Amino acid sequence: MHTDDELGQGMTKDDLLRLLPWLDKKGTDRFTGVRYEEITDRGLVITTREGKKMTIEADTIVVALTLLPNTNIVKTLEGKVPEIYTIGDGKEPRLMADAIAAGARIGHAI
């Protein structure tokens, strides 16, 4: 189960400015502030802010939820190596350019 109140969190403004009009042109329904309950043979079952349960009928569902950091490799390496520097999606999901810049900063520092 997951809820989000803002579409496109984590996307660049340029990508969002292209995506939302394209979705409008295609007549795509968008819902915010809902809880995603389950995917069934008929589609996606959600609960609205008002508590109404409904099924959005669909043949295909694209999951585009807010990303979470992947800290597994850091946990695996703790205590096994003298230093660990967490960057990129291990720290927080962002753009590839941000991860490259963080890697460069850490590389210069060590």
C-alpha atoms as a PDB file:
ATOM      1  CA  MET A   1       0.000   0.000   0.000  1.00  0.00           C
ATOM      2  CA  HIS A   2       1.287   3.440  -0.867  1.00  0.00           C
ATOM      3  CA  THR A   3       0.037   7.001  -1.090  1.00  0.00           C
ATOM      4  CA  ASP A   4       1.401  10.060  -2.887  1.00  0.00           C
ATOM      5  CA  ASP A   5      -0.055  13.542  -3.204  1.00  0.00           C
ATOM      6  CA  GLU A   6       2.208  14.883  -5.955  1.00  0.00           C
ATOM      7  CA  LEU A   7       2.670  13.521  -9.462  1.00  0.00           C
ATOM      8  CA  GLY A   8       6.196  13.172 -10.792  1.00  0.00           C
ATOM      9  CA  GLN A   9       8.145  13.425  -7.549  1.00  0.00           C
ATOM     10  CA  GLY A  10      11.845  13.139  -8.306  1.00  0.00           C
ATOM     11  CA  MET A  11      11.434  13.895 -12.008  1.00  0.00           C
ATOM     12  CA  THR A  12      13.211  16.811 -13.608  1.00  0.00           C
ATOM     13  CA  LYS A  13      10.978  19.782 -14.386  1.00  0.00           C
ATOM     14  CA  ASP A  14      11.734  19.413 -18.108  1.00  0.00           C
ATOM     15  CA  ASP A  15      10.611  15.776 -18.140  1.00  0.00           C
ATOM     16  CA  LEU A  16       7.520  16.588 -16.115  1.00  0.00           C
ATOM     17  CA  LEU A  17       6.594  19.466 -18.447  1.00  0.00           C
ATOM     18  CA  ARG A  18       6.715  17.013 -21.367  1.00  0.00           C
ATOM     19  CA  LEU A  19       5.043  14.078 -19.614  1.00  0.00           C
ATOM     20  CA  LEU A  20       1.936  15.693 -18.132  1.00  0.00           C
ATOM     21  CA  PRO A  21       0.715  17.321 -21.384  1.00  0.00           C
ATOM     22  CA  TRP A  22       1.362  14.031 -23.209  1.00  0.00           C
ATOM     23  CA  LEU A  23      -0.739  12.170 -20.619  1.00  0.00           C
ATOM     24  CA  ASP A  24      -3.477  14.805 -21.028  1.00  0.00           C
ATOM     25  CA  LYS A  25      -3.388  14.368 -24.816  1.00  0.00           C
ATOM     26  CA  LYS A  26      -3.766  10.600 -24.405  1.00  0.00           C
ATOM     27  CA  GLY A  27      -6.728  11.054 -22.030  1.00  0.00           C
ATOM     28  CA  THR A  28      -4.948   9.317 -19.174  1.00  0.00           C
ATOM     29  CA  ASP A  29      -6.646   9.358 -15.772  1.00  0.00           C
ATOM     30  CA  ARG A  30      -4.370  10.390 -12.908  1.00  0.00           C
ATOM     31  CA  PHE A  31      -5.127   9.989  -9.233  1.00  0.00           C
ATOM     32  CA  THR A  32      -3.275  11.463  -6.253  1.00  0.00           C
ATOM     33  CA  GLY A  33      -3.722  10.895  -2.565  1.00  0.00           C
ATOM     34  CA  VAL A  34      -4.966   7.342  -3.085  1.00  0.00           C
ATOM     35  CA  ARG A  35      -3.889   4.090  -1.502  1.00  0.00           C
ATOM     36  CA  TYR A  36      -2.937   1.364  -3.942  1.00  0.00           C
ATOM     37  CA  GLU A  37      -4.462  -1.852  -2.643  1.00  0.00           C
ATOM     38  CA  GLU A  38      -3.795  -4.582  -5.216  1.00  0.00           C
ATOM     39  CA  ILE A  39      -3.427  -5.462  -8.869  1.00  0.00           C
ATOM     40  CA  THR A  40      -6.067  -7.905 -10.098  1.00  0.00           C
ATOM     41  CA  ASP A  41      -6.997  -9.433 -13.455  1.00  0.00           C
ATOM     42  CA  ARG A  42      -9.335  -6.449 -13.973  1.00  0.00           C
ATOM     43  CA  GLY A  43      -6.858  -3.693 -13.062  1.00  0.00           C
ATOM     44  CA  LEU A  44      -5.681  -1.668 -10.057  1.00  0.00           C
ATOM     45  CA  VAL A  45      -7.754  -1.513  -6.885  1.00  0.00           C
ATOM     46  CA  ILE A  46      -7.392   1.793  -5.028  1.00  0.00           C
ATOM     47  CA  THR A  47      -8.936   3.530  -2.049  1.00  0.00           C
ATOM     48  CA  THR A  48      -9.541   7.268  -2.504  1.00  0.00           C
ATOM     49  CA  ARG A  49      -8.909   9.946   0.112  1.00  0.00           C
ATOM     50  CA  GLU A  50     -12.596   9.807   0.892  1.00  0.00           C
ATOM     51  CA  GLY A  51     -12.377   6.063   1.623  1.00  0.00           C
ATOM     52  CA  LYS A  52     -14.110   4.902  -1.565  1.00  0.00           C
ATOM     53  CA  LYS A  53     -12.685   1.661  -2.967  1.00  0.00           C
ATOM     54  CA  MET A  54     -12.618   1.440  -6.754  1.00  0.00           C
ATOM     55  CA  THR A  55     -10.986  -0.539  -9.536  1.00  0.00           C
ATOM     56  CA  ILE A  56      -9.240   1.253 -12.361  1.00  0.00           C
ATOM     57  CA  GLU A  57      -9.652  -1.186 -15.226  1.00  0.00           C
ATOM     58  CA  ALA A  58      -6.455  -1.721 -17.210  1.00  0.00           C
ATOM     59  CA  ASP A  59      -4.628  -4.250 -19.347  1.00  0.00           C
ATOM     60  CA  THR A  60      -1.259  -2.814 -18.321  1.00  0.00           C
ATOM     61  CA  ILE A  61      -0.170  -1.077 -15.128  1.00  0.00           C
ATOM     62  CA  VAL A  62       3.064   0.896 -14.892  1.00  0.00           C
ATOM     63  CA  VAL A  63       4.338   1.232 -11.342  1.00  0.00           C
ATOM     64  CA  ALA A  64       5.916   4.662 -10.865  1.00  0.00           C
ATOM     65  CA  LEU A  65       6.109   5.140  -7.118  1.00  0.00           C
ATOM     66  CA  THR A  66       8.493   7.360  -5.204  1.00  0.00           C
ATOM     67  CA  LEU A  67      11.863   5.639  -5.041  1.00  0.00           C
ATOM     68  CA  LEU A  68      13.591   4.596  -1.829  1.00  0.00           C
ATOM     69  CA  PRO A  69      17.339   4.287  -1.257  1.00  0.00           C
ATOM     70  CA  ASN A  70      18.939   0.868  -1.708  1.00  0.00           C
ATOM     71  CA  THR A  71      21.133   0.469   1.372  1.00  0.00           C
ATOM     72  CA  ASN A  72      21.720  -3.295   1.085  1.00  0.00           C
ATOM     73  CA  ILE A  73      25.286  -3.125  -0.248  1.00  0.00           C
ATOM     74  CA  VAL A  74      26.347  -0.675   2.465  1.00  0.00           C
ATOM     75  CA  LYS A  75      24.974  -2.978   5.157  1.00  0.00           C
ATOM     76  CA  THR A  76      26.768  -5.940   3.552  1.00  0.00           C
ATOM     77  CA  LEU A  77      30.126  -4.111   3.539  1.00  0.00           C
ATOM     78  CA  GLU A  78      29.936  -2.578   7.045  1.00  0.00           C
ATOM     79  CA  GLY A  79      32.791  -3.887   9.185  1.00  0.00           C
ATOM     80  CA  LYS A  80      34.454  -5.595   6.202  1.00  0.00           C
ATOM     81  CA  VAL A  81      36.161  -2.587   4.657  1.00  0.00           C
ATOM     82  CA  PRO A  82      37.932   0.349   6.326  1.00  0.00           C
ATOM     83  CA  GLU A  83      35.842   3.111   4.701  1.00  0.00           C
ATOM     84  CA  ILE A  84      32.437   3.296   3.058  1.00  0.00           C
ATOM     85  CA  TYR A  85      31.088   6.278   1.125  1.00  0.00           C
ATOM     86  CA  THR A  86      27.443   6.086   0.203  1.00  0.00           C
ATOM     87  CA  ILE A  87      26.442   7.867  -3.022  1.00  0.00           C
ATOM     88  CA  GLY A  88      23.825   7.592  -5.748  1.00  0.00           C
ATOM     89  CA  ASP A  89      20.722   5.521  -5.090  1.00  0.00           C
ATOM     90  CA  GLY A  90      22.415   3.985  -2.062  1.00  0.00           C
ATOM     91  CA  LYS A  91      22.065   7.346  -0.361  1.00  0.00           C
ATOM     92  CA  GLU A  92      18.902   8.678  -1.966  1.00  0.00           C
ATOM     93  CA  PRO A  93      17.342   8.117  -5.388  1.00  0.00           C
ATOM     94  CA  ARG A  94      18.113  11.058  -7.649  1.00  0.00           C
ATOM     95  CA  LEU A  95      19.400  11.688 -11.133  1.00  0.00           C
ATOM     96  CA  MET A  96      22.438   9.898 -12.562  1.00  0.00           C
ATOM     97  CA  ALA A  97      24.270  13.218 -12.851  1.00  0.00           C
ATOM     98  CA  ASP A  98      23.882  13.733  -9.088  1.00  0.00           C
ATOM     99  CA  ALA A  99      25.434  10.328  -8.380  1.00  0.00           C
ATOM    100  CA  ILE A 100      28.341  11.056 -10.732  1.00  0.00           C
ATOM    101  CA  ALA A 101      28.947  14.436  -9.075  1.00  0.00           C
ATOM    102  CA  ALA A 102      28.856  12.876  -5.598  1.00  0.00           C
ATOM    103  CA  GLY A 103      31.309  10.180  -6.707  1.00  0.00           C
ATOM    104  CA  ALA A 104      33.630  12.828  -8.123  1.00  0.00           C
ATOM    105  CA  ARG A 105      33.493  14.873  -4.885  1.00  0.00           C
ATOM    106  CA  ILE A 106      34.274  11.837  -2.747  1.00  0.00           C
ATOM    107  CA  GLY A 107      36.969  10.663  -5.148  1.00  0.00           C
ATOM    108  CA  HIS A 108      38.712  14.031  -4.922  1.00  0.00           C
ATOM    109  CA  ALA A 109      38.376  14.073  -1.148  1.00  0.00           C
ATOM    110  CA  ILE A 110      40.056  10.699  -0.642  1.00  0.00           C
END
